[in-house]
Amino acid sequence: MSVSIQLAFKIAVYLLVLDGVAALVVGGLLSPAGSLLMFLAVAGSWWGEQLRTRSRRVPALWQALTL
């Protein structure tokens, strides 16, 4: 099985973010509802990146959504 370096890096970064969210939940600093919102934001980020690379015609939309 062969995985590109870019995909391996992307997966590692997302796992680190999810690990941080899990640490906040276990530490009692983030509610279950907050953790759900964070998970949805991470999932949306993964999906949004793929969409953003396909549609370079609307950079203003992605800049507005990022802010």
C-alpha atoms as a PDB file:
ATOM      1  CA  MET A   1       0.000   0.000   0.000  1.00  0.00           C
ATOM      2  CA  SER A   2       1.375   3.365  -1.002  1.00  0.00           C
ATOM      3  CA  VAL A   3       0.339   6.678   0.528  1.00  0.00           C
ATOM      4  CA  SER A   4       1.543  10.021  -0.777  1.00  0.00           C
ATOM      5  CA  ILE A   5       3.459  12.267   1.582  1.00  0.00           C
ATOM      6  CA  GLN A   6       0.823  14.979   1.247  1.00  0.00           C
ATOM      7  CA  LEU A   7      -1.991  12.633   2.258  1.00  0.00           C
ATOM      8  CA  ALA A   8       0.032  11.217   5.161  1.00  0.00           C
ATOM      9  CA  PHE A   9       0.766  14.742   6.408  1.00  0.00           C
ATOM     10  CA  LYS A  10      -2.893  15.760   6.069  1.00  0.00           C
ATOM     11  CA  ILE A  11      -4.055  12.705   8.007  1.00  0.00           C
ATOM     12  CA  ALA A  12      -1.438  13.311  10.720  1.00  0.00           C
ATOM     13  CA  VAL A  13      -2.496  16.942  11.155  1.00  0.00           C
ATOM     14  CA  TYR A  14      -6.189  16.066  11.368  1.00  0.00           C
ATOM     15  CA  LEU A  15      -5.447  13.323  13.911  1.00  0.00           C
ATOM     16  CA  LEU A  16      -3.489  15.794  16.034  1.00  0.00           C
ATOM     17  CA  VAL A  17      -6.388  18.249  15.952  1.00  0.00           C
ATOM     18  CA  LEU A  18      -8.872  15.540  16.924  1.00  0.00           C
ATOM     19  CA  ASP A  19      -6.516  14.414  19.693  1.00  0.00           C
ATOM     20  CA  GLY A  20      -6.478  17.959  21.043  1.00  0.00           C
ATOM     21  CA  VAL A  21     -10.270  18.135  20.967  1.00  0.00           C
ATOM     22  CA  ALA A  22     -10.453  14.798  22.788  1.00  0.00           C
ATOM     23  CA  ALA A  23      -8.049  16.107  25.438  1.00  0.00           C
ATOM     24  CA  LEU A  24     -10.268  19.152  25.966  1.00  0.00           C
ATOM     25  CA  VAL A  25     -13.338  16.939  26.358  1.00  0.00           C
ATOM     26  CA  VAL A  26     -11.615  14.565  28.790  1.00  0.00           C
ATOM     27  CA  GLY A  27     -10.289  17.525  30.766  1.00  0.00           C
ATOM     28  CA  GLY A  28     -13.805  18.912  31.092  1.00  0.00           C
ATOM     29  CA  LEU A  29     -12.976  22.100  29.191  1.00  0.00           C
ATOM     30  CA  LEU A  30     -15.246  21.351  26.254  1.00  0.00           C
ATOM     31  CA  SER A  31     -18.824  20.168  26.471  1.00  0.00           C
ATOM     32  CA  PRO A  32     -20.129  17.264  24.410  1.00  0.00           C
ATOM     33  CA  ALA A  33     -22.041  19.729  22.245  1.00  0.00           C
ATOM     34  CA  GLY A  34     -18.865  21.739  21.740  1.00  0.00           C
ATOM     35  CA  SER A  35     -16.956  18.616  20.805  1.00  0.00           C
ATOM     36  CA  LEU A  36     -19.629  17.742  18.255  1.00  0.00           C
ATOM     37  CA  LEU A  37     -19.316  21.210  16.735  1.00  0.00           C
ATOM     38  CA  MET A  38     -15.529  20.854  16.615  1.00  0.00           C
ATOM     39  CA  PHE A  39     -15.826  17.447  14.953  1.00  0.00           C
ATOM     40  CA  LEU A  40     -18.206  18.887  12.352  1.00  0.00           C
ATOM     41  CA  ALA A  41     -15.822  21.793  11.759  1.00  0.00           C
ATOM     42  CA  VAL A  42     -12.918  19.397  11.206  1.00  0.00           C
ATOM     43  CA  ALA A  43     -14.991  17.231   8.864  1.00  0.00           C
ATOM     44  CA  GLY A  44     -16.168  20.336   7.026  1.00  0.00           C
ATOM     45  CA  SER A  45     -12.604  21.518   6.744  1.00  0.00           C
ATOM     46  CA  TRP A  46     -11.554  18.245   5.109  1.00  0.00           C
ATOM     47  CA  TRP A  47     -14.461  18.472   2.664  1.00  0.00           C
ATOM     48  CA  GLY A  48     -13.990  22.200   2.079  1.00  0.00           C
ATOM     49  CA  GLU A  49     -10.347  21.745   1.144  1.00  0.00           C
ATOM     50  CA  GLN A  50     -11.252  19.320  -1.625  1.00  0.00           C
ATOM     51  CA  LEU A  51     -13.929  21.664  -2.892  1.00  0.00           C
ATOM     52  CA  ARG A  52     -11.623  24.669  -2.702  1.00  0.00           C
ATOM     53  CA  THR A  53      -8.952  22.994  -4.838  1.00  0.00           C
ATOM     54  CA  ARG A  54     -11.554  22.178  -7.498  1.00  0.00           C
ATOM     55  CA  SER A  55     -13.072  25.658  -7.657  1.00  0.00           C
ATOM     56  CA  ARG A  56     -10.348  28.245  -7.942  1.00  0.00           C
ATOM     57  CA  ARG A  57     -12.839  30.586  -9.627  1.00  0.00           C
ATOM     58  CA  VAL A  58     -14.409  31.837  -6.399  1.00  0.00           C
ATOM     59  CA  PRO A  59     -11.530  32.707  -4.058  1.00  0.00           C
ATOM     60  CA  ALA A  60     -13.492  35.553  -2.465  1.00  0.00           C
ATOM     61  CA  LEU A  61     -16.112  33.091  -1.221  1.00  0.00           C
ATOM     62  CA  TRP A  62     -13.475  30.921   0.497  1.00  0.00           C
ATOM     63  CA  GLN A  63     -11.786  33.969   1.999  1.00  0.00           C
ATOM     64  CA  ALA A  64     -15.100  35.130   3.429  1.00  0.00           C
ATOM     65  CA  LEU A  65     -15.873  31.659   4.821  1.00  0.00           C
ATOM     66  CA  THR A  66     -12.402  31.447   6.376  1.00  0.00           C
ATOM     67  CA  LEU A  67     -12.890  34.701   8.251  1.00  0.00           C
END
